[in-house]
Amino acid sequence: MTTRKIIFSISFIAFVAINNVNSFAQCAMCRTSVESDLKSGGGSIGTNLNTGIIYLMLIPYLVLMTGAYFFFRKQINAKVKEWKNKKFPVKQA
């Protein structure tokens, strides 16, 4: 990795970490539904809604990781073979 990519990656991660602001990612209808459920004494809709949001967020990442693996499979396998065939010097005591 070049120095420019490393600096960009570190600054991007720092920017995201510093700008960690509480955000409300629910739509207005979902929020109203959860608030009315909480006022009536229930709590299951909010929990299920959060589980659904996490599920919907996870699927695109899994698809991208699987696609990247199949796209870079030859390079990954070549690098693994190179590491397996590499002879490391033996330390003699």
Foldseek 3Di string as FASTA:
>chain_A
DDPVVVVVVVVVVVVCVVPPDDDDPDDPVLVVVQVVCVVVPHHVSVVVVVVVVVVVVVVVVVVVVVVVCVVCVVVVVVVVVVVVPDDDDDDDD
